[in-house]
Amino acid sequence: MAKIIQGRGFKGVINYVLDKEKALFLFSDGVRTKNKESIINSFNAQSGMNPISKPVAHISLNFSTHDKEKLTDTAMAKMAIEYMKQMGYDKTQFIMVRHQDREHPHLHLVINRINNEGKRITDKNEKFRNTKICMELTKKYGLYIASGKENVKRNRLKDPDKTKYEIYDAIKASIPKCKNWNELTTELKNQGITTDFRRNGSTDKIQGIRFEKNGYPFNGSQIDRSCSYSKIDNQLKQNIREQEQAFHQSQKPEHSQNQYSVLDNAVSAVGGLLDIQPLGTEYDPDEAEFQRQHKLKKKQKKGLRM
């Protein structure tokens, strides 16, 4: 995944990415790299060709710990360059720095949003394009795809994100235990979360939901797509269907044996009483010879009568 931040000045972000302990300078283009001052001056000179309020694009590319062994500096740099090209940042200044202060592999890109021709690089639909391109590259290079919010380190979050994830965790834990909205809202209320249904105008039709905790309100879809009103409502209805199915299943008579096993048991029981073998007895050559001789004698007698 990639996190994009737009900034007003290059000095602060350059100092941040380069002064971090164990920071590793990987690659750059279009800037003088003698020292930090020369890098900052290079960025400022080009952004001065077309002054805008936020010429800085600071992007952190984050990878899963599952891919740590195969994410060499070269591999990460290759993917970062491909990412920038698809995002439209391939004809401008940038520096690429890898940080090793976190458990997961990641690197930082500082990019000039004024390109080499002095034109502003568009940020239209940037968040959508960013998500789409990250997923495409993840699949292309066979990288691990994290399962939603489960892998986020909660202890590092600050509000309002901290509260949002608390609400998310509470909803996910409560839904399987509930069959309707009354049960769910009560369960969430016990955890300090209020629920507000958004209705369509003056009608009673519910079109959305909002959750609030610690003074922070969030629409359901802001918390997660699975937390929208329609998605939760479907899950609650599914809980009812599964409970009804389980009830009906429990009312059916138990058939531990099918008709064939019952028949086999009956034959075995009768065989034991009459001292005969049930179906499936082994081949007896003496018995077979006796039967053959018996049939032969019957044929001979029949022939004599004729």
Protein backbone atom coordinates (compact mmCIF):
# COMPACT_ATOMS: atom_id res chain seq x y z
CA MET A 1 0.00 0.00 0.00
CA ALA A 2 1.07 3.59 -0.51
CA LYS A 3 0.34 6.66 1.60
CA ILE A 4 0.45 10.01 -0.20
CA ILE A 5 0.97 13.33 1.57
CA GLN A 6 1.12 16.70 -0.19
CA GLY A 7 3.33 19.37 1.35
CA ARG A 8 4.27 23.00 0.99
CA GLY A 9 8.03 22.80 1.37
CA PHE A 10 10.84 20.36 0.58
CA LYS A 11 13.17 21.14 3.48
CA GLY A 12 11.19 19.42 6.22
CA VAL A 13 10.46 16.22 4.31
CA ILE A 14 14.03 15.93 2.97
CA ASN A 15 15.40 16.24 6.50
CA TYR A 16 12.90 13.62 7.72
CA VAL A 17 13.64 10.93 5.16
CA LEU A 18 17.42 11.39 5.23
CA ASP A 19 18.00 11.91 8.96
CA LYS A 20 16.12 8.80 10.04
CA GLU A 21 18.38 6.22 11.69
CA LYS A 22 19.59 3.55 9.22
CA ALA A 23 18.11 5.50 6.28
CA LEU A 24 19.46 4.12 3.00
CA PHE A 25 19.58 6.37 -0.07
CA LEU A 26 18.56 4.17 -3.00
CA PHE A 27 17.99 6.29 -6.07
CA SER A 28 17.31 9.78 -7.41
CA ASP A 29 16.70 11.64 -10.64
CA GLY A 30 17.07 15.29 -11.59
CA VAL A 31 18.62 16.50 -8.32
CA ARG A 32 22.13 17.26 -7.13
CA THR A 33 22.97 14.82 -4.32
CA LYS A 34 26.15 16.35 -2.88
CA ASN A 35 24.32 16.98 0.42
CA LYS A 36 20.86 17.73 1.80
CA GLU A 37 21.12 21.43 0.94
CA SER A 38 21.86 20.70 -2.71
CA ILE A 39 18.91 18.32 -2.91
CA ILE A 40 16.54 20.89 -1.37
CA ASN A 41 17.82 23.65 -3.67
CA SER A 42 17.31 21.41 -6.73
CA PHE A 43 13.69 20.77 -5.79
CA ASN A 44 13.03 24.43 -5.03
CA ALA A 45 14.54 25.58 -8.32
CA GLN A 46 12.26 23.38 -10.40
CA SER A 47 9.11 24.04 -8.36
CA GLY A 48 9.81 27.76 -8.83
CA MET A 49 9.14 27.34 -12.55
CA ASN A 50 5.43 27.08 -11.74
CA PRO A 51 4.66 28.01 -8.11
CA ILE A 52 1.74 26.13 -6.51
CA SER A 53 0.65 25.89 -2.88
CA LYS A 54 1.72 22.25 -2.41
CA PRO A 55 4.55 21.22 -4.76
CA VAL A 56 5.67 18.29 -2.58
CA ALA A 57 4.47 14.71 -3.02
CA HIS A 58 5.72 12.57 -0.14
CA ILE A 59 4.81 8.92 -0.70
CA SER A 60 5.61 5.98 1.56
CA LEU A 61 5.47 2.58 -0.12
CA ASN A 62 4.75 -0.12 2.45
CA PHE A 63 5.15 -3.88 1.99
CA SER A 64 4.12 -6.86 4.10
CA THR A 65 6.51 -8.56 6.52
CA HIS A 66 5.59 -11.80 4.72
CA ASP A 67 7.69 -10.60 1.75
CA LYS A 68 10.63 -9.39 3.80
CA GLU A 69 13.09 -11.99 2.52
CA LYS A 70 12.58 -11.24 -1.17
CA LEU A 71 12.35 -7.44 -0.90
CA THR A 72 15.94 -6.49 -1.70
CA ASP A 73 16.87 -2.85 -2.27
CA THR A 74 16.92 -3.49 -6.02
CA ALA A 75 13.51 -5.19 -6.04
CA MET A 76 11.90 -2.39 -4.02
CA ALA A 77 13.47 0.31 -6.21
CA LYS A 78 12.22 -1.41 -9.37
CA MET A 79 8.65 -1.57 -8.06
CA ALA A 80 8.81 2.03 -6.82
CA ILE A 81 9.90 3.31 -10.25
CA GLU A 82 7.11 1.34 -11.93
CA TYR A 83 4.65 2.75 -9.39
CA MET A 84 5.75 6.33 -10.08
CA LYS A 85 5.49 5.82 -13.84
CA GLN A 86 1.92 4.55 -13.59
CA MET A 87 1.01 7.40 -11.24
CA GLY A 88 2.36 9.96 -13.73
CA TYR A 89 5.46 10.89 -11.69
CA ASP A 90 8.02 9.53 -14.18
CA LYS A 91 9.12 12.86 -15.72
CA THR A 92 10.02 14.85 -12.66
CA GLN A 93 12.55 15.06 -9.83
CA PHE A 94 12.53 12.52 -7.02
CA ILE A 95 14.61 10.82 -4.38
CA MET A 96 14.06 7.32 -3.02
CA VAL A 97 15.10 6.38 0.51
CA ARG A 98 14.58 3.09 2.33
CA HIS A 99 13.84 3.16 6.06
CA GLN A 100 14.42 0.26 8.43
CA ASP A 101 12.83 1.63 11.60
CA ARG A 102 9.71 -0.54 11.31
CA GLU A 103 9.10 -4.26 11.18
CA HIS A 104 7.64 -4.10 7.67
CA PRO A 105 9.78 -3.15 4.64
CA HIS A 106 9.06 0.34 3.33
CA LEU A 107 10.61 3.23 1.46
CA HIS A 108 9.94 6.93 1.03
CA LEU A 109 9.61 8.89 -2.19
CA VAL A 110 9.96 12.68 -2.28
CA ILE A 111 8.64 13.90 -5.62
CA ASN A 112 8.32 17.30 -7.26
CA ARG A 113 4.77 17.90 -8.46
CA ILE A 114 6.16 20.39 -10.98
CA ASN A 115 7.64 18.27 -13.74
CA ASN A 116 10.80 18.80 -15.79
CA GLU A 117 8.89 20.98 -18.27
CA GLY A 118 7.49 23.24 -15.57
CA LYS A 119 3.99 21.76 -15.73
CA ARG A 120 1.92 20.78 -12.72
CA ILE A 121 1.38 17.02 -12.32
CA THR A 122 -2.31 16.36 -11.79
CA ASP A 123 -3.55 14.74 -8.61
CA LYS A 124 -7.03 14.05 -10.02
CA ASN A 125 -8.44 10.78 -8.67
CA GLU A 126 -5.07 10.22 -7.02
CA LYS A 127 -6.37 8.10 -4.14
CA PHE A 128 -8.33 5.82 -6.46
CA ARG A 129 -5.43 5.43 -8.89
CA ASN A 130 -3.05 4.81 -5.99
CA THR A 131 -5.13 1.93 -4.60
CA LYS A 132 -5.64 0.40 -8.04
CA ILE A 133 -1.95 0.55 -9.02
CA CYS A 134 -0.75 -0.84 -5.69
CA MET A 135 -3.04 -3.85 -6.06
CA GLU A 136 -1.92 -4.41 -9.66
CA LEU A 137 1.76 -4.36 -8.68
CA THR A 138 1.11 -6.60 -5.68
CA LYS A 139 -0.45 -9.23 -7.92
CA LYS A 140 2.11 -8.79 -10.70
CA TYR A 141 5.07 -9.45 -8.38
CA GLY A 142 3.32 -12.14 -6.35
CA LEU A 143 3.42 -10.21 -3.10
CA TYR A 144 1.36 -10.96 -0.02
CA ILE A 145 -2.12 -9.39 0.08
CA ALA A 146 -3.09 -8.42 3.60
CA SER A 147 -6.61 -9.30 4.78
CA GLY A 148 -8.07 -5.88 5.39
CA LYS A 149 -7.72 -4.19 8.77
CA GLU A 150 -6.75 -7.30 10.73
CA ASN A 151 -3.00 -6.69 10.27
CA VAL A 152 -2.98 -3.03 11.34
CA LYS A 153 -0.94 -2.43 14.49
CA ARG A 154 -3.51 -0.86 16.82
CA ASN A 155 -1.00 0.24 19.43
CA ARG A 156 0.58 2.70 17.00
CA LEU A 157 -2.64 4.44 16.06
CA LYS A 158 -3.70 7.88 17.25
CA ASP A 159 -7.17 9.40 17.26
CA PRO A 160 -9.34 9.55 15.30
CA ASP A 161 -7.94 6.41 13.62
CA LYS A 162 -7.51 4.71 16.99
CA THR A 163 -11.22 5.11 17.78
CA LYS A 164 -12.26 4.11 14.27
CA TYR A 165 -10.44 0.81 14.60
CA GLU A 166 -11.92 0.23 18.04
CA ILE A 167 -15.39 0.61 16.53
CA TYR A 168 -14.42 -1.70 13.66
CA ASP A 169 -13.18 -4.41 16.02
CA ALA A 170 -16.29 -4.11 18.19
CA ILE A 171 -18.64 -4.41 15.20
CA LYS A 172 -16.82 -7.45 13.82
CA ALA A 173 -16.87 -9.18 17.21
CA SER A 174 -20.53 -8.38 17.90
CA ILE A 175 -22.24 -9.21 14.60
CA PRO A 176 -21.88 -13.03 14.86
CA LYS A 177 -23.64 -12.94 18.25
CA CYS A 178 -26.65 -10.91 17.08
CA LYS A 179 -29.79 -11.68 15.06
CA ASN A 180 -31.18 -8.16 14.67
CA TRP A 181 -30.32 -4.49 14.98
CA ASN A 182 -31.69 -4.18 18.52
CA GLU A 183 -29.29 -6.82 19.76
CA LEU A 184 -26.38 -5.28 17.87
CA THR A 185 -26.99 -1.71 19.05
CA THR A 186 -27.29 -2.93 22.64
CA GLU A 187 -24.06 -4.92 22.32
CA LEU A 188 -22.22 -1.89 20.91
CA LYS A 189 -23.72 0.45 23.52
CA ASN A 190 -22.22 -1.72 26.25
CA GLN A 191 -18.85 -0.97 24.65
CA GLY A 192 -19.39 2.79 24.58
CA ILE A 193 -20.50 2.98 20.93
CA THR A 194 -23.70 4.75 19.93
CA THR A 195 -25.57 3.91 16.73
CA ASP A 196 -27.56 6.40 14.65
CA PHE A 197 -29.69 5.37 11.66
CA ARG A 198 -29.86 7.83 8.79
CA ARG A 199 -33.27 7.85 7.12
CA ASN A 200 -34.38 8.94 3.68
CA GLY A 201 -36.03 12.32 4.17
CA SER A 202 -39.26 12.09 6.17
CA THR A 203 -39.73 8.38 5.42
CA ASP A 204 -38.86 5.47 7.65
CA LYS A 205 -36.58 3.93 5.04
CA ILE A 206 -33.05 3.59 6.40
CA GLN A 207 -30.34 4.53 3.93
CA GLY A 208 -27.27 4.68 6.13
CA ILE A 209 -25.76 4.30 9.58
CA ARG A 210 -23.36 6.22 11.79
CA PHE A 211 -21.35 5.03 14.78
CA GLU A 212 -19.81 7.26 17.45
CA LYS A 213 -17.32 6.72 20.24
CA ASN A 214 -15.16 9.10 22.29
CA GLY A 215 -16.77 12.03 20.48
CA TYR A 216 -15.69 10.77 17.05
CA PRO A 217 -18.56 9.98 14.62
CA PHE A 218 -18.03 7.79 11.55
CA ASN A 219 -20.34 6.68 8.80
CA GLY A 220 -20.38 2.90 8.51
CA SER A 221 -18.64 2.94 5.13
CA GLN A 222 -15.94 5.24 6.53
CA ILE A 223 -15.02 2.56 9.04
CA ASP A 224 -14.98 -0.18 6.41
CA ARG A 225 -17.02 -1.23 3.40
CA SER A 226 -18.25 -4.22 5.37
CA CYS A 227 -19.64 -1.86 8.02
CA SER A 228 -22.17 -0.08 5.82
CA TYR A 229 -25.84 -0.41 6.79
CA SER A 230 -26.69 -2.75 3.90
CA LYS A 231 -23.71 -5.07 4.52
CA ILE A 232 -24.41 -5.38 8.26
CA ASP A 233 -28.15 -5.83 7.65
CA ASN A 234 -27.43 -8.68 5.23
CA GLN A 235 -25.16 -10.35 7.77
CA LEU A 236 -27.78 -10.13 10.53
CA LYS A 237 -30.36 -11.71 8.22
CA GLN A 238 -27.87 -14.42 7.36
CA ASN A 239 -27.45 -15.12 11.08
CA ILE A 240 -31.21 -15.66 11.36
CA ARG A 241 -31.25 -18.01 8.35
CA GLU A 242 -28.38 -20.06 9.72
CA GLN A 243 -30.06 -20.33 13.13
CA GLU A 244 -33.36 -21.44 11.56
CA GLN A 245 -31.55 -23.97 9.40
CA ALA A 246 -29.75 -25.38 12.40
CA PHE A 247 -33.07 -25.63 14.31
CA HIS A 248 -34.82 -27.50 11.48
CA GLN A 249 -31.85 -29.81 11.14
CA SER A 250 -32.01 -30.67 14.83
CA GLN A 251 -35.72 -31.63 14.52
CA LYS A 252 -35.10 -34.29 11.87
CA PRO A 253 -34.98 -37.93 13.13
CA GLU A 254 -31.47 -39.23 13.34
CA HIS A 255 -30.64 -41.94 10.84
CA SER A 256 -27.45 -43.48 11.96
CA GLN A 257 -27.83 -46.26 9.39
CA ASN A 258 -29.15 -46.22 5.85
CA GLN A 259 -31.46 -48.86 4.44
CA TYR A 260 -28.57 -50.99 3.24
CA SER A 261 -26.77 -51.10 6.55
CA VAL A 262 -30.05 -51.95 8.31
CA LEU A 263 -30.62 -54.80 5.85
CA ASP A 264 -27.12 -56.13 6.34
CA ASN A 265 -27.56 -56.11 10.12
CA ALA A 266 -30.86 -57.97 9.80
CA VAL A 267 -29.32 -60.63 7.57
CA SER A 268 -26.42 -61.04 9.97
CA ALA A 269 -28.79 -61.49 12.90
CA VAL A 270 -30.91 -64.11 11.10
CA GLY A 271 -27.81 -65.91 9.92
CA GLY A 272 -26.58 -66.21 13.46
CA LEU A 273 -29.88 -67.70 14.66
CA LEU A 274 -30.12 -70.28 11.87
CA ASP A 275 -26.41 -70.99 11.70
CA ILE A 276 -26.13 -69.71 8.12
CA GLN A 277 -23.78 -67.15 6.65
CA PRO A 278 -25.08 -63.69 5.77
CA LEU A 279 -24.61 -62.09 2.38
CA GLY A 280 -21.00 -61.81 1.40
CA THR A 281 -19.84 -65.21 2.75
CA GLU A 282 -16.58 -66.57 1.40
CA TYR A 283 -16.52 -69.07 -1.54
CA ASP A 284 -16.71 -72.72 -0.39
CA PRO A 285 -15.37 -75.15 -3.07
CA ASP A 286 -16.97 -78.25 -1.45
CA GLU A 287 -20.36 -76.58 -1.34
CA ALA A 288 -20.00 -75.51 -4.96
CA GLU A 289 -19.15 -79.07 -6.06
CA PHE A 290 -22.15 -80.44 -4.15
CA GLN A 291 -24.47 -77.99 -5.89
CA ARG A 292 -23.01 -78.85 -9.30
CA GLN A 293 -23.49 -82.61 -8.76
CA HIS A 294 -27.03 -82.05 -7.53
CA LYS A 295 -27.97 -80.07 -10.66
CA LEU A 296 -26.36 -82.73 -12.87
CA LYS A 297 -28.44 -85.54 -11.28
CA LYS A 298 -31.63 -83.55 -11.79
CA LYS A 299 -30.86 -83.18 -15.49
CA GLN A 300 -30.13 -86.91 -15.83
CA LYS A 301 -33.44 -87.84 -14.18
CA LYS A 302 -35.28 -85.44 -16.45
CA GLY A 303 -33.67 -87.07 -19.48
CA LEU A 304 -34.71 -90.56 -18.41
CA ARG A 305 -38.34 -89.48 -18.05
CA MET A 306 -38.32 -88.24 -21.59
